[in-house]
């Protein structure tokens, strides 16, 4: 019920849903970069896999040569060769 109300508010105010609903926004730029906004922290990180916690589950990015290009309380930018992005409700 609360989520539906927030959804309607975001539509009526023309605000981005990810901001109002506090859900992640994932942008994939080609096969070289991933940006995740509204994250809850890094769960796992190495050069081949990155797992990030969010309000709707864990975001898993697989690939090669990952580096954290930018990180803040609100967003993470990864660069490297992106092969797979998966969301799981763990």
PDB file of N, CA and C in Angstrom:
ATOM      1  N   UNK A   1       0.819  -1.189   0.000  1.00  0.00           N
ATOM      2  CA  UNK A   1       0.000   0.000   0.000  1.00  0.00           C
ATOM      3  C   UNK A   1       0.871   1.264   0.000  1.00  0.00           C
ATOM      4  N   UNK A   2       1.864   1.303   0.887  1.00  0.00           N
ATOM      5  CA  UNK A   2       2.741   2.466   0.994  1.00  0.00           C
ATOM      6  C   UNK A   2       3.527   2.681  -0.294  1.00  0.00           C
ATOM      7  N   UNK A   3       3.966   1.578  -0.916  1.00  0.00           N
ATOM      8  CA  UNK A   3       4.736   1.653  -2.155  1.00  0.00           C
ATOM      9  C   UNK A   3       3.880   2.205  -3.286  1.00  0.00           C
ATOM     10  N   UNK A   4       2.596   1.808  -3.343  1.00  0.00           N
ATOM     11  CA  UNK A   4       1.691   2.311  -4.377  1.00  0.00           C
ATOM     12  C   UNK A   4       1.492   3.814  -4.230  1.00  0.00           C
ATOM     13  N   UNK A   5       1.370   4.277  -2.998  1.00  0.00           N
ATOM     14  CA  UNK A   5       1.201   5.701  -2.746  1.00  0.00           C
ATOM     15  C   UNK A   5       2.433   6.472  -3.194  1.00  0.00           C
ATOM     16  N   UNK A   6       3.606   5.973  -2.856  1.00  0.00           N
ATOM     17  CA  UNK A   6       4.848   6.621  -3.282  1.00  0.00           C
ATOM     18  C   UNK A   6       4.964   6.633  -4.801  1.00  0.00           C
ATOM     19  N   UNK A   7       4.547   5.548  -5.428  1.00  0.00           N
ATOM     20  CA  UNK A   7       4.586   5.455  -6.890  1.00  0.00           C
ATOM     21  C   UNK A   7       3.699   6.536  -7.517  1.00  0.00           C
ATOM     22  N   UNK A   8       2.481   6.703  -6.976  1.00  0.00           N
ATOM     23  CA  UNK A   8       1.561   7.720  -7.485  1.00  0.00           C
ATOM     24  C   UNK A   8       2.102   9.128  -7.245  1.00  0.00           C
ATOM     25  N   UNK A   9       2.728   9.335  -6.098  1.00  0.00           N
ATOM     26  CA  UNK A   9       3.326  10.641  -5.801  1.00  0.00           C
ATOM     27  C   UNK A   9       4.440  10.955  -6.787  1.00  0.00           C
ATOM     28  N   UNK A  10       5.294   9.971  -7.072  1.00  0.00           N
ATOM     29  CA  UNK A  10       6.395  10.210  -8.009  1.00  0.00           C
ATOM     30  C   UNK A  10       5.876  10.554  -9.390  1.00  0.00           C
ATOM     31  N   UNK A  11       4.781   9.910  -9.808  1.00  0.00           N
ATOM     32  CA  UNK A  11       4.200  10.211 -11.112  1.00  0.00           C
ATOM     33  C   UNK A  11       3.571  11.596 -11.140  1.00  0.00           C
ATOM     34  N   UNK A  12       2.833  11.955 -10.100  1.00  0.00           N
ATOM     35  CA  UNK A  12       2.150  13.245 -10.095  1.00  0.00           C
ATOM     36  C   UNK A  12       3.127  14.411  -9.967  1.00  0.00           C
ATOM     37  N   UNK A  13       4.230  14.218  -9.244  1.00  0.00           N
ATOM     38  CA  UNK A  13       5.225  15.276  -9.100  1.00  0.00           C
ATOM     39  C   UNK A  13       6.301  15.210 -10.179  1.00  0.00           C
ATOM     40  N   UNK A  14       6.209  14.209 -11.040  1.00  0.00           N
ATOM     41  CA  UNK A  14       7.183  13.982 -12.111  1.00  0.00           C
ATOM     42  C   UNK A  14       8.599  13.857 -11.561  1.00  0.00           C
ATOM     43  N   UNK A  15       8.699  13.150 -10.439  1.00  0.00           N
ATOM     44  CA  UNK A  15      10.003  12.879  -9.835  1.00  0.00           C
ATOM     45  C   UNK A  15      10.445  11.475 -10.246  1.00  0.00           C
ATOM     46  N   UNK A  16      11.752  11.249 -10.337  1.00  0.00           N
ATOM     47  CA  UNK A  16      12.233   9.902 -10.671  1.00  0.00           C
ATOM     48  C   UNK A  16      11.769   8.878  -9.637  1.00  0.00           C
ATOM     49  N   UNK A  17      11.287   7.750 -10.109  1.00  0.00           N
ATOM     50  CA  UNK A  17      10.782   6.701  -9.213  1.00  0.00           C
ATOM     51  C   UNK A  17      11.863   6.195  -8.270  1.00  0.00           C
ATOM     52  N   UNK A  18      13.101   6.076  -8.769  1.00  0.00           N
ATOM     53  CA  UNK A  18      14.168   5.540  -7.932  1.00  0.00           C
ATOM     54  C   UNK A  18      14.438   6.429  -6.723  1.00  0.00           C
ATOM     55  N   UNK A  19      14.187   7.720  -6.840  1.00  0.00           N
ATOM     56  CA  UNK A  19      14.398   8.633  -5.714  1.00  0.00           C
ATOM     57  C   UNK A  19      13.276   8.486  -4.690  1.00  0.00           C
ATOM     58  N   UNK A  20      12.039   8.524  -5.147  1.00  0.00           N
ATOM     59  CA  UNK A  20      10.886   8.457  -4.245  1.00  0.00           C
ATOM     60  C   UNK A  20      10.766   7.080  -3.598  1.00  0.00           C
ATOM     61  N   UNK A  21      10.982   6.023  -4.373  1.00  0.00           N
ATOM     62  CA  UNK A  21      10.803   4.661  -3.870  1.00  0.00           C
ATOM     63  C   UNK A  21      12.062   4.095  -3.224  1.00  0.00           C
ATOM     64  N   UNK A  22      13.178   4.821  -3.281  1.00  0.00           N
ATOM     65  CA  UNK A  22      14.466   4.390  -2.740  1.00  0.00           C
ATOM     66  C   UNK A  22      14.883   3.030  -3.311  1.00  0.00           C
ATOM     67  N   UNK A  23      14.790   2.921  -4.631  1.00  0.00           N
ATOM     68  CA  UNK A  23      15.226   1.710  -5.317  1.00  0.00           C
ATOM     69  C   UNK A  23      16.446   2.043  -6.165  1.00  0.00           C
ATOM     70  N   UNK A  24      17.270   1.042  -6.485  1.00  0.00           N
ATOM     71  CA  UNK A  24      18.481   1.345  -7.237  1.00  0.00           C
ATOM     72  C   UNK A  24      18.193   1.729  -8.686  1.00  0.00           C
ATOM     73  N   UNK A  25      19.055   2.564  -9.204  1.00  0.00           N
ATOM     74  CA  UNK A  25      19.059   2.914 -10.619  1.00  0.00           C
ATOM     75  C   UNK A  25      20.396   2.421 -11.156  1.00  0.00           C
ATOM     76  N   UNK A  26      20.345   1.527 -12.134  1.00  0.00           N
ATOM     77  CA  UNK A  26      21.565   0.921 -12.674  1.00  0.00           C
ATOM     78  C   UNK A  26      21.736   1.373 -14.113  1.00  0.00           C
ATOM     79  N   UNK A  27      22.880   1.977 -14.405  1.00  0.00           N
ATOM     80  CA  UNK A  27      23.196   2.387 -15.778  1.00  0.00           C
ATOM     81  C   UNK A  27      24.397   1.584 -16.252  1.00  0.00           C
ATOM     82  N   UNK A  28      24.240   0.988 -17.410  1.00  0.00           N
ATOM     83  CA  UNK A  28      25.331   0.226 -18.009  1.00  0.00           C
ATOM     84  C   UNK A  28      25.755   0.965 -19.263  1.00  0.00           C
ATOM     85  N   UNK A  29      27.020   1.366 -19.314  1.00  0.00           N
ATOM     86  CA  UNK A  29      27.539   2.082 -20.465  1.00  0.00           C
ATOM     87  C   UNK A  29      28.410   1.115 -21.265  1.00  0.00           C
ATOM     88  N   UNK A  30      27.837   0.624 -22.367  1.00  0.00           N
ATOM     89  CA  UNK A  30      28.543  -0.357 -23.186  1.00  0.00           C
ATOM     90  C   UNK A  30      28.894  -1.583 -22.369  1.00  0.00           C
ATOM     91  N   UNK A  31      30.113  -2.047 -22.529  1.00  0.00           N
ATOM     92  CA  UNK A  31      30.601  -3.176 -21.736  1.00  0.00           C
ATOM     93  C   UNK A  31      31.735  -2.738 -20.819  1.00  0.00           C
ATOM     94  N   UNK A  32      31.851  -1.419 -20.605  1.00  0.00           N
ATOM     95  CA  UNK A  32      33.011  -0.909 -19.871  1.00  0.00           C
ATOM     96  C   UNK A  32      32.705  -0.213 -18.553  1.00  0.00           C
ATOM     97  N   UNK A  33      31.431   0.088 -18.271  1.00  0.00           N
ATOM     98  CA  UNK A  33      31.162   0.839 -17.050  1.00  0.00           C
ATOM     99  C   UNK A  33      29.758   0.552 -16.527  1.00  0.00           C
ATOM    100  N   UNK A  34      29.618   0.524 -15.190  1.00  0.00           N
ATOM    101  CA  UNK A  34      28.331   0.362 -14.523  1.00  0.00           C
ATOM    102  C   UNK A  34      28.239   1.403 -13.419  1.00  0.00           C
ATOM    103  N   UNK A  35      27.107   2.110 -13.374  1.00  0.00           N
ATOM    104  CA  UNK A  35      26.849   3.052 -12.295  1.00  0.00           C
ATOM    105  C   UNK A  35      25.604   2.594 -11.545  1.00  0.00           C
ATOM    106  N   UNK A  36      25.700   2.512 -10.228  1.00  0.00           N
ATOM    107  CA  UNK A  36      24.578   2.107  -9.385  1.00  0.00           C
ATOM    108  C   UNK A  36      24.294   3.240  -8.412  1.00  0.00           C
ATOM    109  N   UNK A  37      23.080   3.768  -8.484  1.00  0.00           N
ATOM    110  CA  UNK A  37      22.645   4.799  -7.541  1.00  0.00           C
ATOM    111  C   UNK A  37      21.692   4.171  -6.533  1.00  0.00           C
ATOM    112  N   UNK A  38      21.593   4.758  -5.354  1.00  0.00           N
ATOM    113  CA  UNK A  38      20.721   4.285  -4.268  1.00  0.00           C
ATOM    114  C   UNK A  38      21.125   2.895  -3.772  1.00  0.00           C
ATOM    115  N   UNK A  39      22.404   2.684  -3.583  1.00  0.00           N
ATOM    116  CA  UNK A  39      22.896   1.406  -3.066  1.00  0.00           C
ATOM    117  C   UNK A  39      22.962   1.448  -1.542  1.00  0.00           C
ATOM    118  N   UNK A  40      23.179   0.287  -0.947  1.00  0.00           N
ATOM    119  CA  UNK A  40      23.295   0.169   0.505  1.00  0.00           C
ATOM    120  C   UNK A  40      24.672  -0.334   0.927  1.00  0.00           C
ATOM    121  N   UNK A  41      25.605  -0.409  -0.009  1.00  0.00           N
ATOM    122  CA  UNK A  41      26.970  -0.817   0.320  1.00  0.00           C
ATOM    123  C   UNK A  41      27.457  -1.994  -0.497  1.00  0.00           C
ATOM    124  N   UNK A  42      28.770  -2.150  -0.523  1.00  0.00           N
ATOM    125  CA  UNK A  42      29.403  -3.247  -1.254  1.00  0.00           C
ATOM    126  C   UNK A  42      29.458  -4.473  -0.344  1.00  0.00           C
ATOM    127  N   UNK A  43      28.987  -5.597  -0.864  1.00  0.00           N
ATOM    128  CA  UNK A  43      28.978  -6.866  -0.133  1.00  0.00           C
ATOM    129  C   UNK A  43      30.236  -7.667  -0.456  1.00  0.00           C
ATOM    130  N   UNK A  44      30.635  -7.647  -1.722  1.00  0.00           N
ATOM    131  CA  UNK A  44      31.812  -8.393  -2.186  1.00  0.00           C
ATOM    132  C   UNK A  44      32.464  -7.612  -3.309  1.00  0.00           C
ATOM    133  N   UNK A  45      33.802  -7.610  -3.318  1.00  0.00           N
ATOM    134  CA  UNK A  45      34.515  -6.915  -4.386  1.00  0.00           C
ATOM    135  C   UNK A  45      35.831  -7.616  -4.688  1.00  0.00           C
ATOM    136  N   UNK A  46      36.022  -7.969  -5.936  1.00  0.00           N
ATOM    137  CA  UNK A  46      37.329  -8.370  -6.449  1.00  0.00           C
ATOM    138  C   UNK A  46      37.362  -8.005  -7.930  1.00  0.00           C
ATOM    139  N   UNK A  47      38.406  -8.337  -8.623  1.00  0.00           N
ATOM    140  CA  UNK A  47      38.544  -7.875 -10.012  1.00  0.00           C
ATOM    141  C   UNK A  47      37.571  -8.546 -10.983  1.00  0.00           C
ATOM    142  N   UNK A  48      36.893  -9.630 -10.556  1.00  0.00           N
ATOM    143  CA  UNK A  48      35.992 -10.354 -11.454  1.00  0.00           C
ATOM    144  C   UNK A  48      34.522 -10.341 -11.037  1.00  0.00           C
ATOM    145  N   UNK A  49      34.240  -9.931  -9.821  1.00  0.00           N
ATOM    146  CA  UNK A  49      32.854  -9.904  -9.356  1.00  0.00           C
ATOM    147  C   UNK A  49      32.668  -8.794  -8.325  1.00  0.00           C
ATOM    148  N   UNK A  50      31.542  -8.120  -8.445  1.00  0.00           N
ATOM    149  CA  UNK A  50      31.167  -7.098  -7.465  1.00  0.00           C
ATOM    150  C   UNK A  50      29.720  -7.354  -7.092  1.00  0.00           C
ATOM    151  N   UNK A  51      29.446  -7.397  -5.798  1.00  0.00           N
ATOM    152  CA  UNK A  51      28.070  -7.553  -5.306  1.00  0.00           C
ATOM    153  C   UNK A  51      27.747  -6.350  -4.438  1.00  0.00           C
ATOM    154  N   UNK A  52      26.598  -5.731  -4.730  1.00  0.00           N
ATOM    155  CA  UNK A  52      26.192  -4.507  -4.058  1.00  0.00           C
ATOM    156  C   UNK A  52      24.798  -4.715  -3.461  1.00  0.00           C
ATOM    157  N   UNK A  53      24.624  -4.322  -2.213  1.00  0.00           N
ATOM    158  CA  UNK A  53      23.340  -4.447  -1.540  1.00  0.00           C
ATOM    159  C   UNK A  53      22.426  -3.282  -1.922  1.00  0.00           C
ATOM    160  N   UNK A  54      21.119  -3.582  -2.024  1.00  0.00           N
ATOM    161  CA  UNK A  54      20.130  -2.543  -2.305  1.00  0.00           C
ATOM    162  C   UNK A  54      18.835  -2.899  -1.569  1.00  0.00           C
ATOM    163  N   UNK A  55      17.873  -2.001  -1.603  1.00  0.00           N
ATOM    164  CA  UNK A  55      16.588  -2.252  -0.946  1.00  0.00           C
ATOM    165  C   UNK A  55      15.771  -3.360  -1.602  1.00  0.00           C
ATOM    166  N   UNK A  56      16.086  -3.712  -2.828  1.00  0.00           N
ATOM    167  CA  UNK A  56      15.309  -4.748  -3.518  1.00  0.00           C
ATOM    168  C   UNK A  56      16.092  -6.040  -3.733  1.00  0.00           C
ATOM    169  N   UNK A  57      17.298  -6.128  -3.180  1.00  0.00           N
ATOM    170  CA  UNK A  57      18.097  -7.334  -3.313  1.00  0.00           C
ATOM    171  C   UNK A  57      19.563  -7.011  -3.555  1.00  0.00           C
ATOM    172  N   UNK A  58      20.312  -8.025  -3.938  1.00  0.00           N
ATOM    173  CA  UNK A  58      21.738  -7.873  -4.202  1.00  0.00           C
ATOM    174  C   UNK A  58      21.975  -7.788  -5.706  1.00  0.00           C
ATOM    175  N   UNK A  59      22.720  -6.778  -6.103  1.00  0.00           N
ATOM    176  CA  UNK A  59      23.087  -6.590  -7.509  1.00  0.00           C
ATOM    177  C   UNK A  59      24.468  -7.202  -7.692  1.00  0.00           C
ATOM    178  N   UNK A  60      24.568  -8.144  -8.621  1.00  0.00           N
ATOM    179  CA  UNK A  60      25.831  -8.831  -8.880  1.00  0.00           C
ATOM    180  C   UNK A  60      26.320  -8.478 -10.271  1.00  0.00           C
ATOM    181  N   UNK A  61      27.550  -8.008 -10.366  1.00  0.00           N
ATOM    182  CA  UNK A  61      28.151  -7.664 -11.650  1.00  0.00           C
ATOM    183  C   UNK A  61      29.351  -8.579 -11.845  1.00  0.00           C
ATOM    184  N   UNK A  62      29.357  -9.322 -12.951  1.00  0.00           N
ATOM    185  CA  UNK A  62      30.475 -10.206 -13.271  1.00  0.00           C
ATOM    186  C   UNK A  62      31.206  -9.668 -14.488  1.00  0.00           C
ATOM    187  N   UNK A  63      32.507  -9.903 -14.521  1.00  0.00           N
ATOM    188  CA  UNK A  63      33.310  -9.455 -15.647  1.00  0.00           C
ATOM    189  C   UNK A  63      34.783  -9.609 -15.345  1.00  0.00           C
ATOM    190  N   UNK A  64      35.573  -8.654 -15.843  1.00  0.00           N
ATOM    191  CA  UNK A  64      37.027  -8.718 -15.678  1.00  0.00           C
ATOM    192  C   UNK A  64      37.593  -7.334 -15.396  1.00  0.00           C
ATOM    193  N   UNK A  65      38.663  -7.319 -14.627  1.00  0.00           N
ATOM    194  CA  UNK A  65      39.454  -6.112 -14.372  1.00  0.00           C
ATOM    195  C   UNK A  65      38.654  -4.956 -13.771  1.00  0.00           C
ATOM    196  N   UNK A  66      37.747  -5.270 -12.837  1.00  0.00           N
ATOM    197  CA  UNK A  66      36.949  -4.213 -12.222  1.00  0.00           C
ATOM    198  C   UNK A  66      37.795  -3.335 -11.307  1.00  0.00           C
ATOM    199  N   UNK A  67      37.532  -2.050 -11.395  1.00  0.00           N
ATOM    200  CA  UNK A  67      38.055  -1.104 -10.426  1.00  0.00           C
ATOM    201  C   UNK A  67      36.902  -0.182 -10.031  1.00  0.00           C
ATOM    202  N   UNK A  68      36.956   0.289  -8.813  1.00  0.00           N
ATOM    203  CA  UNK A  68      35.958   1.253  -8.364  1.00  0.00           C
ATOM    204  C   UNK A  68      36.455   2.623  -8.797  1.00  0.00           C
ATOM    205  N   UNK A  69      35.778   3.173  -9.765  1.00  0.00           N
ATOM    206  CA  UNK A  69      36.148   4.469 -10.323  1.00  0.00           C
ATOM    207  C   UNK A  69      35.719   5.605  -9.402  1.00  0.00           C
ATOM    208  N   UNK A  70      34.497   5.486  -8.872  1.00  0.00           N
ATOM    209  CA  UNK A  70      33.952   6.469  -7.927  1.00  0.00           C
ATOM    210  C   UNK A  70      33.064   5.738  -6.932  1.00  0.00           C
ATOM    211  N   UNK A  71      33.046   6.254  -5.706  1.00  0.00           N
ATOM    212  CA  UNK A  71      32.126   5.711  -4.716  1.00  0.00           C
ATOM    213  C   UNK A  71      31.719   6.836  -3.769  1.00  0.00           C
ATOM    214  N   UNK A  72      30.438   6.862  -3.464  1.00  0.00           N
ATOM    215  CA  UNK A  72      29.905   7.817  -2.491  1.00  0.00           C
ATOM    216  C   UNK A  72      28.794   7.116  -1.725  1.00  0.00           C
ATOM    217  N   UNK A  73      28.190   7.827  -0.823  1.00  0.00           N
ATOM    218  CA  UNK A  73      27.096   7.264  -0.040  1.00  0.00           C
ATOM    219  C   UNK A  73      25.914   6.897  -0.934  1.00  0.00           C
ATOM    220  N   UNK A  74      25.768   7.581  -2.073  1.00  0.00           N
ATOM    221  CA  UNK A  74      24.620   7.370  -2.956  1.00  0.00           C
ATOM    222  C   UNK A  74      24.910   6.564  -4.211  1.00  0.00           C
ATOM    223  N   UNK A  75      26.154   6.583  -4.696  1.00  0.00           N
ATOM    224  CA  UNK A  75      26.417   5.913  -5.974  1.00  0.00           C
ATOM    225  C   UNK A  75      27.788   5.250  -6.010  1.00  0.00           C
ATOM    226  N   UNK A  76      27.878   4.273  -6.907  1.00  0.00           N
ATOM    227  CA  UNK A  76      29.119   3.549  -7.174  1.00  0.00           C
ATOM    228  C   UNK A  76      29.291   3.515  -8.685  1.00  0.00           C
ATOM    229  N   UNK A  77      30.504   3.798  -9.155  1.00  0.00           N
ATOM    230  CA  UNK A  77      30.816   3.664 -10.572  1.00  0.00           C
ATOM    231  C   UNK A  77      31.961   2.670 -10.697  1.00  0.00           C
ATOM    232  N   UNK A  78      31.717   1.598 -11.463  1.00  0.00           N
ATOM    233  CA  UNK A  78      32.722   0.565 -11.706  1.00  0.00           C
ATOM    234  C   UNK A  78      33.165   0.640 -13.144  1.00  0.00           C
ATOM    235  N   UNK A  79      34.453   0.417 -13.377  1.00  0.00           N
ATOM    236  CA  UNK A  79      34.913   0.276 -14.758  1.00  0.00           C
ATOM    237  C   UNK A  79      35.633  -1.054 -14.879  1.00  0.00           C
ATOM    238  N   UNK A  80      35.633  -1.581 -16.075  1.00  0.00           N
ATOM    239  CA  UNK A  80      36.198  -2.889 -16.378  1.00  0.00           C
ATOM    240  C   UNK A  80      35.378  -3.503 -17.501  1.00  0.00           C
ATOM    241  N   UNK A  81      35.596  -4.759 -17.768  1.00  0.00           N
ATOM    242  CA  UNK A  81      34.832  -5.449 -18.813  1.00  0.00           C
ATOM    243  C   UNK A  81      33.596  -6.094 -18.168  1.00  0.00           C
ATOM    244  N   UNK A  82      32.424  -5.524 -18.452  1.00  0.00           N
ATOM    245  CA  UNK A  82      31.170  -6.021 -17.862  1.00  0.00           C
ATOM    246  C   UNK A  82      30.622  -7.149 -18.742  1.00  0.00           C
ATOM    247  N   UNK A  83      30.378  -8.308 -18.125  1.00  0.00           N
ATOM    248  CA  UNK A  83      29.834  -9.443 -18.858  1.00  0.00           C
ATOM    249  C   UNK A  83      28.401  -9.783 -18.462  1.00  0.00           C
ATOM    250  N   UNK A  84      28.038  -9.500 -17.191  1.00  0.00           N
ATOM    251  CA  UNK A  84      26.741  -9.916 -16.688  1.00  0.00           C
ATOM    252  C   UNK A  84      26.330  -9.053 -15.506  1.00  0.00           C
ATOM    253  N   UNK A  85      25.064  -8.651 -15.471  1.00  0.00           N
ATOM    254  CA  UNK A  85      24.503  -7.940 -14.317  1.00  0.00           C
ATOM    255  C   UNK A  85      23.247  -8.698 -13.912  1.00  0.00           C
ATOM    256  N   UNK A  86      23.155  -9.020 -12.625  1.00  0.00           N
ATOM    257  CA  UNK A  86      22.058  -9.856 -12.141  1.00  0.00           C
ATOM    258  C   UNK A  86      21.532  -9.289 -10.814  1.00  0.00           C
ATOM    259  N   UNK A  87      20.223  -9.356 -10.634  1.00  0.00           N
ATOM    260  CA  UNK A  87      19.593  -8.949  -9.375  1.00  0.00           C
ATOM    261  C   UNK A  87      19.008 -10.182  -8.716  1.00  0.00           C
ATOM    262  N   UNK A  88      19.363 -10.397  -7.443  1.00  0.00           N
ATOM    263  CA  UNK A  88      18.799 -11.533  -6.709  1.00  0.00           C
ATOM    264  C   UNK A  88      18.205 -11.029  -5.398  1.00  0.00           C
ATOM    265  N   UNK A  89      17.117 -11.656  -4.993  1.00  0.00           N
ATOM    266  CA  UNK A  89      16.416 -11.269  -3.766  1.00  0.00           C
ATOM    267  C   UNK A  89      16.906 -12.122  -2.607  1.00  0.00           C
ATOM    268  N   UNK A  90      18.102 -11.887  -2.163  1.00  0.00           N
ATOM    269  CA  UNK A  90      18.674 -12.680  -1.069  1.00  0.00           C
ATOM    270  C   UNK A  90      18.254 -12.148   0.265  1.00  0.00           C
TER     271      UNK A  90
END
